[in-house]
């Protein structure tokens, strides 16, 4: 027994003195290789650019070739591997566990790349077996090295010092499940967003020819899109120094282009909205008034439609969650509006909202005395957005109710029974039990509905056309009608940022926390 213990100690000592430093050097070499690959990408872009070309065009060439995500990942991976090599050299047990996990991912990646090398096809000509072998050899070498390192770590973990906690082991297992999701997210979501952002930095046109030159404009598209200013205008005074009024008795103010500095006209600012305070008028102006109008329409539509849908959806969910005869049939029937395609429901509502007595809505309101004369719901500018909100509420409230109903059904009934025994009223039980326990479901419902509402397209496009635009329809018109791909891409990025802001606000305000 003593001999076995001594032999094992000698083996561990050899592994610690030779194996661990070699493994640390392997990770350091991999980290340095990732950073050198990034440097080579930058160097290749600089050398491929014509002499004397502007720095912006060089950057654009680099972005078109390599993008943003790949260089950023190379930099992060390189730094992480270098840090990992230092920790391995110090023989930390947590570093060894993570190194073994990383090597497993490398093995899987190399196997996939080898299979891809042997099954790849070419549009130019047939790929020979020699070419396939040549393409697969680097990955085969990487597979062999990673496999040896994985095997060595599995048999020599005792050569490292320290003890891994249960939380650290659980974190590593969680990352095993997250890595495939992150890869899919990068490919499906982040890469298209990256391409959109890169296009927003150019003056590229939609459906442009291959020989058309694309110019790097930096953040000029965003400056034009988001440029705004607040100004105060004084009224036009008569000979006595009093404010001039028009025939309707309203105070007269000068035109902003004439009263303000030259930059207002040079940058093509236009008044978006204003408010009169006595002899002063405060105006909000934007370089792209159509964008600010469409943003106002979208925010107005989003806030009111989502709020009404939340309240009605919660009421419906509470009713359906109770026990009564025909509950199953009602649950099925309430999904009918949500199942109808939005374009179809928009056309149906367009018939019901006709601006004469033949419209069902006008006829109904006239019969019960809510209105004195037929209303032009889709022609009157003050009624257009409320009409669209009503249509959206009718269609998507069932979706909100369905999510909230799922949240209600996971609340234990024993909690309500205990509260009832303690003498809590129905209202007290709702605000003390139901609402707090329903917050996660409410957050999910708000995120999904807000995402749909911010990028609403079909309702505005079908019913209003260009009379009133949402951010999505304005984006569509800029891309298709004006052929401005770069500017439309900037609008798309702004829509994404708005959705992200709403999501973060919901999580912060509603207090959703990870346990």
Protein backbone atom coordinates (compact mmCIF):
# COMPACT_ATOMS: atom_id res chain seq x y z
CA UNK A 1 0.00 0.00 0.00
CA UNK A 2 2.81 2.38 0.88
CA UNK A 3 4.53 1.57 -2.41
CA UNK A 4 1.36 2.27 -4.37
CA UNK A 5 0.90 5.57 -2.56
CA UNK A 6 4.51 6.56 -3.28
CA UNK A 7 4.14 5.57 -6.95
CA UNK A 8 0.96 7.59 -7.25
CA UNK A 9 2.62 10.60 -5.65
CA UNK A 10 5.52 10.33 -8.09
CA UNK A 11 3.08 10.14 -11.01
CA UNK A 12 1.19 13.18 -9.78
CA UNK A 13 4.45 15.03 -9.27
CA UNK A 14 5.52 14.27 -12.85
CA UNK A 15 2.12 15.31 -14.18
CA UNK A 16 2.23 18.54 -12.20
CA UNK A 17 5.78 19.40 -13.22
CA UNK A 18 5.56 18.45 -16.91
CA UNK A 19 1.96 17.95 -18.00
CA UNK A 20 0.38 21.04 -16.48
CA UNK A 21 2.96 23.47 -17.94
CA UNK A 22 2.64 21.79 -21.36
CA UNK A 23 -1.13 22.16 -21.21
CA UNK A 24 -0.73 25.79 -20.16
CA UNK A 25 1.60 26.36 -23.12
CA UNK A 26 -0.99 24.74 -25.42
CA UNK A 27 -3.69 27.14 -24.28
CA UNK A 28 -1.31 30.08 -24.46
CA UNK A 29 -0.39 29.13 -28.03
CA UNK A 30 -4.08 28.88 -28.93
CA UNK A 31 -4.78 32.29 -27.39
CA UNK A 32 -1.82 33.90 -29.17
CA UNK A 33 -2.96 32.20 -32.40
CA UNK A 34 -6.45 33.74 -32.08
CA UNK A 35 -4.99 37.20 -31.53
CA UNK A 36 -2.53 36.75 -34.42
CA UNK A 37 -5.41 35.67 -36.65
CA UNK A 38 -7.22 38.88 -35.77
CA UNK A 39 -4.09 40.90 -36.52
CA UNK A 40 -3.70 39.11 -39.84
CA UNK A 41 -7.29 40.00 -40.75
CA UNK A 42 -6.62 43.65 -40.06
CA UNK A 43 -3.34 43.53 -41.97
CA UNK A 44 -4.98 41.82 -44.94
CA UNK A 45 -7.65 44.53 -45.10
CA UNK A 46 -5.01 47.27 -45.01
CA UNK A 47 -2.90 45.63 -47.70
CA UNK A 48 -5.91 44.92 -49.94
CA UNK A 49 -7.05 48.56 -49.85
CA UNK A 50 -5.74 50.81 -52.65
CA UNK A 51 -3.05 53.27 -51.63
CA UNK A 52 -4.48 56.61 -50.58
CA UNK A 53 -7.95 55.23 -49.86
CA UNK A 54 -9.77 56.94 -47.01
CA UNK A 55 -9.72 55.31 -43.61
CA UNK A 56 -13.48 54.91 -43.66
CA UNK A 57 -13.36 52.87 -46.85
CA UNK A 58 -10.62 50.67 -45.37
CA UNK A 59 -12.80 50.06 -42.32
CA UNK A 60 -15.77 49.32 -44.58
CA UNK A 61 -13.71 46.78 -46.51
CA UNK A 62 -12.73 45.11 -43.24
CA UNK A 63 -16.35 45.04 -42.01
CA UNK A 64 -17.65 43.62 -45.26
CA UNK A 65 -14.99 40.91 -45.22
CA UNK A 66 -14.86 39.87 -41.58
CA UNK A 67 -17.79 41.60 -39.92
CA UNK A 68 -17.86 42.67 -36.27
CA UNK A 69 -18.73 39.49 -34.40
CA UNK A 70 -15.89 37.30 -35.68
CA UNK A 71 -13.06 39.76 -34.82
CA UNK A 72 -14.64 40.48 -31.45
CA UNK A 73 -14.94 36.76 -30.70
CA UNK A 74 -11.32 36.19 -31.72
CA UNK A 75 -10.15 38.95 -29.37
CA UNK A 76 -12.24 37.65 -26.45
CA UNK A 77 -11.29 34.02 -27.04
CA UNK A 78 -7.61 34.92 -27.31
CA UNK A 79 -7.64 36.86 -24.04
CA UNK A 80 -9.64 34.13 -22.30
CA UNK A 81 -7.25 31.39 -23.42
CA UNK A 82 -4.25 33.40 -22.24
CA UNK A 83 -5.89 33.87 -18.86
CA UNK A 84 -6.70 30.16 -18.80
CA UNK A 85 -3.05 29.29 -19.50
CA UNK A 86 -1.93 31.39 -16.54
CA UNK A 87 -4.39 29.63 -14.23
CA UNK A 88 -3.33 26.22 -15.57
CA UNK A 89 0.30 27.09 -14.91
CA UNK A 90 -0.75 27.85 -11.34
CA UNK A 91 -2.39 24.38 -11.29
CA UNK A 92 -5.85 25.60 -10.27
CA UNK A 93 -8.43 22.81 -10.21
CA UNK A 94 -11.20 25.05 -11.55
CA UNK A 95 -9.02 26.00 -14.53
CA UNK A 96 -8.36 22.32 -15.23
CA UNK A 97 -12.09 21.52 -15.14
CA UNK A 98 -12.88 24.35 -17.55
CA UNK A 99 -9.93 23.38 -19.77
CA UNK A 100 -11.29 19.83 -20.04
CA UNK A 101 -14.69 21.24 -20.94
CA UNK A 102 -13.18 23.53 -23.58
CA UNK A 103 -11.25 20.64 -25.09
CA UNK A 104 -14.50 18.66 -25.36
CA UNK A 105 -16.09 21.52 -27.31
CA UNK A 106 -12.99 21.68 -29.54
CA UNK A 107 -13.29 17.94 -30.23
CA UNK A 108 -16.93 18.31 -31.24
CA UNK A 109 -16.12 21.34 -33.43
CA UNK A 110 -13.22 19.53 -35.14
CA UNK A 111 -15.40 16.49 -35.88
CA UNK A 112 -18.05 18.71 -37.45
CA UNK A 113 -15.45 20.59 -39.52
CA UNK A 114 -13.86 17.34 -40.71
CA UNK A 115 -17.24 16.03 -41.84
CA UNK A 116 -17.90 19.34 -43.55
CA UNK A 117 -14.54 19.16 -45.35
CA UNK A 118 -15.32 15.70 -46.73
CA UNK A 119 -18.89 16.58 -47.78
CA UNK A 120 -18.28 20.09 -49.14
CA UNK A 121 -19.15 20.86 -52.75
CA UNK A 122 -17.91 23.59 -55.06
CA UNK A 123 -19.70 25.67 -57.66
CA UNK A 124 -16.49 25.97 -59.68
CA UNK A 125 -15.77 22.29 -60.22
CA UNK A 126 -15.65 18.88 -58.59
CA UNK A 127 -13.71 18.68 -55.35
CA UNK A 128 -11.12 15.90 -55.47
CA UNK A 129 -10.39 13.55 -52.59
CA UNK A 130 -6.90 15.06 -52.26
CA UNK A 131 -8.43 18.52 -51.78
CA UNK A 132 -10.83 17.13 -49.21
CA UNK A 133 -7.96 15.50 -47.31
CA UNK A 134 -5.94 18.70 -47.47
CA UNK A 135 -8.85 20.68 -46.04
CA UNK A 136 -9.46 18.12 -43.30
CA UNK A 137 -5.85 17.66 -42.12
CA UNK A 138 -5.65 20.84 -39.92
CA UNK A 139 -8.88 19.90 -38.17
CA UNK A 140 -7.70 16.31 -37.74
CA UNK A 141 -4.51 17.56 -36.08
CA UNK A 142 -6.57 19.81 -33.81
CA UNK A 143 -8.83 16.87 -32.99
CA UNK A 144 -5.87 14.68 -32.04
CA UNK A 145 -4.28 17.35 -29.82
CA UNK A 146 -7.59 18.14 -28.12
CA UNK A 147 -8.33 14.44 -27.59
CA UNK A 148 -4.93 13.83 -25.99
CA UNK A 149 -5.35 16.86 -23.73
CA UNK A 150 -8.88 15.76 -22.77
CA UNK A 151 -7.67 12.23 -21.96
CA UNK A 152 -4.68 13.50 -19.97
CA UNK A 153 -6.80 15.86 -17.87
CA UNK A 154 -9.31 13.10 -17.17
CA UNK A 155 -6.57 10.92 -15.69
CA UNK A 156 -4.53 13.59 -13.90
CA UNK A 157 -6.98 15.94 -12.19
CA UNK A 158 -5.29 15.14 -8.88
CA UNK A 159 -2.22 16.99 -10.15
CA UNK A 160 -4.06 20.29 -9.65
CA UNK A 161 -4.64 22.05 -6.36
CA UNK A 162 -7.80 23.40 -4.82
CA UNK A 163 -11.35 22.13 -4.74
CA UNK A 164 -14.18 22.93 -7.12
CA UNK A 165 -17.38 24.01 -5.44
CA UNK A 166 -20.82 22.70 -6.34
CA UNK A 167 -21.78 26.13 -7.69
CA UNK A 168 -18.77 26.16 -10.05
CA UNK A 169 -19.58 22.66 -11.31
CA UNK A 170 -23.22 23.63 -11.87
CA UNK A 171 -22.12 26.75 -13.75
CA UNK A 172 -19.99 24.64 -16.07
CA UNK A 173 -22.91 22.28 -16.72
CA UNK A 174 -25.15 25.24 -17.45
CA UNK A 175 -22.68 26.53 -20.03
CA UNK A 176 -22.78 23.12 -21.72
CA UNK A 177 -26.46 23.70 -22.37
CA UNK A 178 -26.02 27.36 -23.28
CA UNK A 179 -23.28 26.96 -25.89
CA UNK A 180 -25.55 25.47 -28.62
CA UNK A 181 -28.13 28.17 -27.93
CA UNK A 182 -25.49 30.90 -28.16
CA UNK A 183 -24.20 29.49 -31.44
CA UNK A 184 -27.71 29.43 -32.91
CA UNK A 185 -28.31 32.96 -31.62
CA UNK A 186 -25.12 34.20 -33.25
CA UNK A 187 -25.98 32.62 -36.59
CA UNK A 188 -29.71 33.32 -36.69
CA UNK A 189 -30.00 36.67 -34.90
CA UNK A 190 -26.70 38.42 -34.39
CA UNK A 191 -25.25 37.92 -37.86
CA UNK A 192 -28.24 39.53 -39.65
CA UNK A 193 -28.20 42.37 -37.12
CA UNK A 194 -24.49 42.79 -37.73
CA UNK A 195 -25.04 43.00 -41.49
CA UNK A 196 -27.81 45.55 -40.95
CA UNK A 197 -25.61 47.69 -38.73
CA UNK A 198 -22.73 47.59 -41.22
CA UNK A 199 -25.10 48.61 -44.04
CA UNK A 200 -26.34 51.51 -41.88
CA UNK A 201 -22.82 52.97 -41.97
CA UNK A 202 -22.94 53.31 -45.76
CA UNK A 203 -24.90 55.07 -48.49
CA UNK A 204 -25.73 51.73 -50.13
CA UNK A 205 -28.87 51.58 -52.29
CA UNK A 206 -31.38 48.77 -52.53
CA UNK A 207 -31.05 46.44 -55.55
CA UNK A 208 -27.91 48.29 -56.65
CA UNK A 209 -25.71 46.90 -59.40
CA UNK A 210 -22.50 45.05 -58.65
CA UNK A 211 -20.43 47.87 -60.11
CA UNK A 212 -21.98 50.59 -57.96
CA UNK A 213 -19.60 52.10 -55.42
CA UNK A 214 -20.66 52.02 -51.77
CA UNK A 215 -19.31 54.86 -49.64
CA UNK A 216 -18.63 54.72 -45.92
CA UNK A 217 -20.59 57.53 -44.24
CA UNK A 218 -20.04 56.57 -40.61
CA UNK A 219 -22.86 57.66 -38.34
CA UNK A 220 -24.25 60.27 -40.76
CA UNK A 221 -27.40 58.22 -41.28
CA UNK A 222 -28.01 58.15 -37.54
CA UNK A 223 -27.24 61.86 -37.20
CA UNK A 224 -29.83 62.65 -39.86
CA UNK A 225 -32.33 60.14 -38.49
CA UNK A 226 -32.10 61.07 -34.81
CA UNK A 227 -31.14 64.73 -35.16
CA UNK A 228 -33.52 66.99 -33.24
CA UNK A 229 -33.54 70.29 -31.46
CA UNK A 230 -35.77 72.28 -29.10
CA UNK A 231 -36.30 75.98 -29.75
CA UNK A 232 -38.37 78.81 -28.34
CA UNK A 233 -39.99 81.31 -30.73
CA UNK A 234 -41.26 84.72 -29.67
CA UNK A 235 -44.51 85.99 -31.18
CA UNK A 236 -44.68 88.48 -34.03
CA UNK A 237 -45.18 91.93 -32.49
CA UNK A 238 -47.07 94.89 -33.91
CA UNK A 239 -46.16 98.58 -33.63
CA UNK A 240 -47.29 98.69 -30.00
CA UNK A 241 -45.15 95.75 -29.01
CA UNK A 242 -48.13 93.44 -28.50
CA UNK A 243 -48.35 89.97 -30.04
CA UNK A 244 -50.09 89.83 -33.40
CA UNK A 245 -53.16 87.58 -33.66
CA UNK A 246 -54.78 86.10 -36.76
CA UNK A 247 -58.46 86.07 -37.77
CA UNK A 248 -59.17 83.17 -35.41
CA UNK A 249 -57.62 84.97 -32.46
CA UNK A 250 -54.51 82.76 -32.35
CA UNK A 251 -51.10 84.27 -31.67
CA UNK A 252 -48.92 84.59 -34.76
CA UNK A 253 -45.39 83.25 -34.65
CA UNK A 254 -42.66 83.55 -37.29
CA UNK A 255 -41.53 80.59 -39.36
CA UNK A 256 -38.79 78.62 -37.65
CA UNK A 257 -36.55 78.67 -40.74
CA UNK A 258 -36.67 82.47 -40.81
CA UNK A 259 -36.39 83.14 -37.07
CA UNK A 260 -33.72 80.63 -36.07
CA UNK A 261 -30.04 80.32 -36.95
CA UNK A 262 -28.74 79.24 -40.33
CA UNK A 263 -27.99 75.72 -39.09
CA UNK A 264 -31.73 75.09 -38.82
CA UNK A 265 -32.19 75.54 -42.56
CA UNK A 266 -28.83 74.12 -43.62
CA UNK A 267 -29.45 70.80 -41.85
CA UNK A 268 -33.08 70.76 -43.09
CA UNK A 269 -34.79 70.74 -39.74
CA UNK A 270 -38.57 70.75 -39.84
CA UNK A 271 -41.03 71.35 -37.05
CA UNK A 272 -42.53 68.13 -35.70
CA UNK A 273 -44.68 69.48 -32.88
CA UNK A 274 -45.00 72.53 -30.68
CA UNK A 275 -46.78 74.04 -27.71
CA UNK A 276 -47.76 77.66 -27.16
CA UNK A 277 -47.13 79.22 -23.76
CA UNK A 278 -48.41 82.79 -23.82
CA UNK A 279 -46.20 84.83 -26.13
CA UNK A 280 -43.69 81.99 -26.58
CA UNK A 281 -43.93 78.83 -28.65
CA UNK A 282 -41.75 75.84 -27.82
CA UNK A 283 -41.11 73.71 -30.90
CA UNK A 284 -39.58 70.29 -31.37
CA UNK A 285 -37.86 69.94 -34.74
CA UNK A 286 -36.20 66.99 -36.42
CA UNK A 287 -33.98 66.53 -39.42
CA UNK A 288 -36.27 63.70 -40.53
CA UNK A 289 -39.78 64.76 -39.59
CA UNK A 290 -41.34 61.65 -41.12
CA UNK A 291 -39.24 59.46 -38.83
CA UNK A 292 -40.25 61.37 -35.71
CA UNK A 293 -43.90 61.31 -36.77
CA UNK A 294 -43.73 57.56 -37.34
CA UNK A 295 -42.01 57.08 -33.98
CA UNK A 296 -44.73 59.10 -32.25
CA UNK A 297 -47.41 57.02 -33.98
CA UNK A 298 -45.68 53.79 -32.99
CA UNK A 299 -45.17 54.76 -29.33
CA UNK A 300 -48.77 56.00 -29.10
CA UNK A 301 -50.05 52.77 -30.64
CA UNK A 302 -47.77 50.57 -28.51
CA UNK A 303 -48.45 52.14 -25.12
CA UNK A 304 -52.24 52.23 -25.40
CA UNK A 305 -52.75 48.92 -27.22
CA UNK A 306 -50.47 46.91 -24.91
CA UNK A 307 -51.92 48.54 -21.78
CA UNK A 308 -55.53 47.85 -22.79
CA UNK A 309 -54.65 44.32 -23.86
CA UNK A 310 -52.96 43.66 -20.51
CA UNK A 311 -55.97 44.83 -18.50
CA UNK A 312 -58.55 43.02 -20.66
CA UNK A 313 -56.36 39.93 -20.97
CA UNK A 314 -55.97 39.74 -17.18
CA UNK A 315 -59.74 40.06 -16.69
CA UNK A 316 -60.44 37.35 -19.26
CA UNK A 317 -57.77 35.06 -17.78
CA UNK A 318 -59.25 35.46 -14.29
CA UNK A 319 -62.71 34.60 -15.57
CA UNK A 320 -61.61 31.58 -17.59
CA UNK A 321 -59.43 30.32 -14.74
CA UNK A 322 -62.50 29.97 -12.55
CA UNK A 323 -64.61 26.80 -12.67
CA UNK A 324 -67.87 27.00 -14.63
CA UNK A 325 -69.73 24.97 -17.20
CA UNK A 326 -68.52 25.56 -20.77
CA UNK A 327 -65.09 26.81 -19.75
CA UNK A 328 -63.32 24.68 -22.36
CA UNK A 329 -65.55 25.94 -25.17
CA UNK A 330 -64.96 29.55 -24.11
CA UNK A 331 -61.19 29.02 -24.07
CA UNK A 332 -61.35 27.75 -27.64
CA UNK A 333 -63.69 30.49 -28.86
CA UNK A 334 -61.60 33.32 -27.46
CA UNK A 335 -58.69 32.32 -29.69
CA UNK A 336 -60.67 32.87 -32.92
CA UNK A 337 -59.69 36.57 -33.36
CA UNK A 338 -56.04 35.75 -32.75
CA UNK A 339 -56.14 32.92 -35.31
CA UNK A 340 -57.40 35.18 -38.11
CA UNK A 341 -54.51 36.60 -40.22
CA UNK A 342 -53.94 40.28 -39.49
CA UNK A 343 -54.40 41.35 -43.12
CA UNK A 344 -57.75 39.55 -43.29
CA UNK A 345 -58.99 41.03 -40.00
CA UNK A 346 -57.80 44.49 -41.15
CA UNK A 347 -59.89 44.24 -44.32
CA UNK A 348 -62.92 43.06 -42.32
CA UNK A 349 -62.57 45.98 -39.93
CA UNK A 350 -62.14 48.34 -42.87
CA UNK A 351 -65.64 47.36 -44.02
CA UNK A 352 -67.06 47.78 -40.51
CA UNK A 353 -65.39 51.21 -40.13
CA UNK A 354 -66.89 52.73 -43.27
CA UNK A 355 -67.50 56.47 -42.89
CA UNK A 356 -71.25 56.25 -43.55
CA UNK A 357 -74.20 54.52 -41.98
CA UNK A 358 -73.41 51.33 -43.92
CA UNK A 359 -70.46 50.76 -41.59
CA UNK A 360 -71.37 48.44 -38.72
CA UNK A 361 -69.53 50.51 -36.12
CA UNK A 362 -71.16 53.80 -37.15
CA UNK A 363 -74.57 52.14 -37.39
CA UNK A 364 -74.24 50.62 -33.92
CA UNK A 365 -73.03 53.83 -32.30
CA UNK A 366 -75.76 55.88 -33.98
CA UNK A 367 -78.42 53.47 -32.78
CA UNK A 368 -77.35 53.67 -29.14
CA UNK A 369 -76.68 57.42 -29.28
CA UNK A 370 -72.93 57.44 -28.74
CA UNK A 371 -72.40 59.64 -31.83
CA UNK A 372 -74.62 62.15 -33.63
CA UNK A 373 -73.26 61.56 -37.14
CA UNK A 374 -71.15 58.92 -38.92
CA UNK A 375 -67.44 59.21 -38.21
CA UNK A 376 -64.65 58.83 -40.77
CA UNK A 377 -62.61 56.48 -38.64
CA UNK A 378 -59.85 55.87 -41.16
CA UNK A 379 -59.86 59.31 -42.79
CA UNK A 380 -60.02 61.59 -39.75
CA UNK A 381 -56.42 62.03 -38.54
CA UNK A 382 -57.49 62.20 -34.90
CA UNK A 383 -59.36 58.87 -35.11
CA UNK A 384 -56.94 56.81 -37.21
CA UNK A 385 -54.63 55.58 -34.46
CA UNK A 386 -57.50 54.90 -31.97
CA UNK A 387 -59.21 52.83 -34.66
CA UNK A 388 -56.05 50.79 -35.21
CA UNK A 389 -55.67 50.33 -31.45
CA UNK A 390 -59.24 48.99 -31.25
CA UNK A 391 -58.53 46.50 -34.05
CA UNK A 392 -55.29 45.35 -32.46
CA UNK A 393 -56.92 44.99 -29.03
CA UNK A 394 -59.70 42.87 -30.53
CA UNK A 395 -57.21 40.60 -32.27
CA UNK A 396 -54.40 40.14 -29.74
CA UNK A 397 -56.12 40.32 -26.35
CA UNK A 398 -56.73 36.53 -26.52
CA UNK A 399 -52.98 35.99 -26.87
CA UNK A 400 -52.34 38.07 -23.77
CA UNK A 401 -55.09 36.22 -21.90
CA UNK A 402 -53.63 32.85 -22.89
CA UNK A 403 -50.18 33.67 -21.46
CA UNK A 404 -51.67 35.08 -18.25
CA UNK A 405 -53.95 32.05 -17.92
CA UNK A 406 -50.89 29.80 -18.04
CA UNK A 407 -49.36 31.89 -15.24
CA UNK A 408 -52.52 31.66 -13.14
CA UNK A 409 -52.70 27.90 -13.41
CA UNK A 410 -49.27 27.36 -11.84
CA UNK A 411 -50.24 29.29 -8.67
CA UNK A 412 -50.96 26.69 -5.95
CA UNK A 413 -54.56 26.62 -4.76
CA UNK A 414 -53.39 26.02 -1.18
CA UNK A 415 -52.10 29.59 -1.04
CA UNK A 416 -55.59 30.97 -1.70
CA UNK A 417 -57.13 28.57 0.81
CA UNK A 418 -54.69 29.69 3.51
CA UNK A 419 -55.39 33.36 2.75
CA UNK A 420 -59.14 32.76 2.85
CA UNK A 421 -58.82 31.04 6.24
CA UNK A 422 -56.90 34.10 7.48
CA UNK A 423 -59.83 36.27 6.44
CA UNK A 424 -58.33 37.93 3.33
CA UNK A 425 -60.93 39.38 0.97
CA UNK A 426 -60.97 38.67 -2.77
CA UNK A 427 -59.39 42.03 -3.56
CA UNK A 428 -56.69 41.49 -0.93
CA UNK A 429 -55.95 38.01 -2.30
CA UNK A 430 -55.64 39.45 -5.82
CA UNK A 431 -53.14 42.17 -4.89
CA UNK A 432 -51.21 40.13 -2.29
CA UNK A 433 -51.09 36.73 -3.98
CA UNK A 434 -52.27 36.67 -7.59
CA UNK A 435 -50.56 39.79 -8.91
CA UNK A 436 -47.11 39.22 -7.31
CA UNK A 437 -47.01 35.57 -8.40
CA UNK A 438 -48.20 36.52 -11.89
CA UNK A 439 -45.42 39.06 -12.51
CA UNK A 440 -43.17 36.63 -14.49
CA UNK A 441 -46.06 35.77 -16.81
CA UNK A 442 -46.99 39.45 -17.14
CA UNK A 443 -43.39 40.28 -18.06
CA UNK A 444 -43.32 37.61 -20.78
CA UNK A 445 -46.67 38.78 -22.15
CA UNK A 446 -45.58 42.43 -22.18
CA UNK A 447 -42.28 41.64 -23.90
CA UNK A 448 -43.93 39.62 -26.65
CA UNK A 449 -46.76 42.08 -27.24
CA UNK A 450 -44.52 45.13 -27.10
CA UNK A 451 -42.15 43.53 -29.59
CA UNK A 452 -45.06 42.98 -31.99
CA UNK A 453 -46.53 46.43 -31.39
CA UNK A 454 -43.28 48.34 -31.94
CA UNK A 455 -42.71 46.62 -35.27
CA UNK A 456 -46.38 46.74 -36.34
CA UNK A 457 -46.58 46.84 -40.12
CA UNK A 458 -49.64 45.18 -41.57
CA UNK A 459 -52.34 47.24 -39.83
CA UNK A 460 -50.79 50.57 -40.81
CA UNK A 461 -49.91 49.45 -44.32
CA UNK A 462 -53.30 47.90 -45.14
CA UNK A 463 -55.58 50.51 -43.55
CA UNK A 464 -53.62 53.77 -43.73
CA UNK A 465 -50.94 53.34 -46.38
CA UNK A 466 -48.73 56.42 -46.17
CA UNK A 467 -51.39 58.62 -44.56
CA UNK A 468 -49.94 57.68 -41.17
CA UNK A 469 -46.86 55.54 -40.85
CA UNK A 470 -45.41 53.33 -38.16
CA UNK A 471 -41.68 52.79 -37.82
CA UNK A 472 -41.96 49.53 -39.77
CA UNK A 473 -43.97 51.02 -42.64
CA UNK A 474 -41.65 54.03 -42.80
CA UNK A 475 -38.71 51.66 -42.91
CA UNK A 476 -40.40 49.77 -45.75
CA UNK A 477 -41.13 52.94 -47.72
CA UNK A 478 -37.56 54.21 -47.33
CA UNK A 479 -36.18 50.88 -48.52
CA UNK A 480 -38.59 50.17 -51.40
CA UNK A 481 -39.70 53.61 -52.57
CA UNK A 482 -36.53 55.59 -51.91
CA UNK A 483 -34.14 52.65 -52.51
CA UNK A 484 -32.01 53.88 -49.56
CA UNK A 485 -30.66 50.63 -48.10
CA UNK A 486 -28.15 52.33 -45.79
CA UNK A 487 -30.69 54.73 -44.33
CA UNK A 488 -33.33 51.98 -44.00
CA UNK A 489 -30.79 49.82 -42.17
CA UNK A 490 -30.24 52.62 -39.66
CA UNK A 491 -34.01 52.72 -39.06
CA UNK A 492 -33.99 48.95 -38.48
CA UNK A 493 -31.22 49.27 -35.91
CA UNK A 494 -33.15 52.02 -34.10
CA UNK A 495 -36.26 49.79 -33.99
CA UNK A 496 -34.16 47.03 -32.43
CA UNK A 497 -32.79 49.45 -29.81
CA UNK A 498 -36.31 50.65 -28.94
CA UNK A 499 -37.47 47.05 -28.43
CA UNK A 500 -34.39 46.38 -26.29
CA UNK A 501 -35.12 49.45 -24.15
CA UNK A 502 -38.72 48.34 -23.58
CA UNK A 503 -37.55 44.84 -22.59
CA UNK A 504 -34.97 46.13 -20.10
CA UNK A 505 -37.51 48.54 -18.61
CA UNK A 506 -40.05 45.75 -18.11
CA UNK A 507 -37.50 43.54 -16.36
CA UNK A 508 -36.28 46.41 -14.16
CA UNK A 509 -39.66 47.89 -13.28
CA UNK A 510 -41.44 44.59 -12.66
CA UNK A 511 -38.51 43.35 -10.59
CA UNK A 512 -37.96 40.01 -12.35
CA UNK A 513 -34.84 38.49 -10.78
CA UNK A 514 -32.91 35.28 -11.34
CA UNK A 515 -32.79 33.06 -8.32
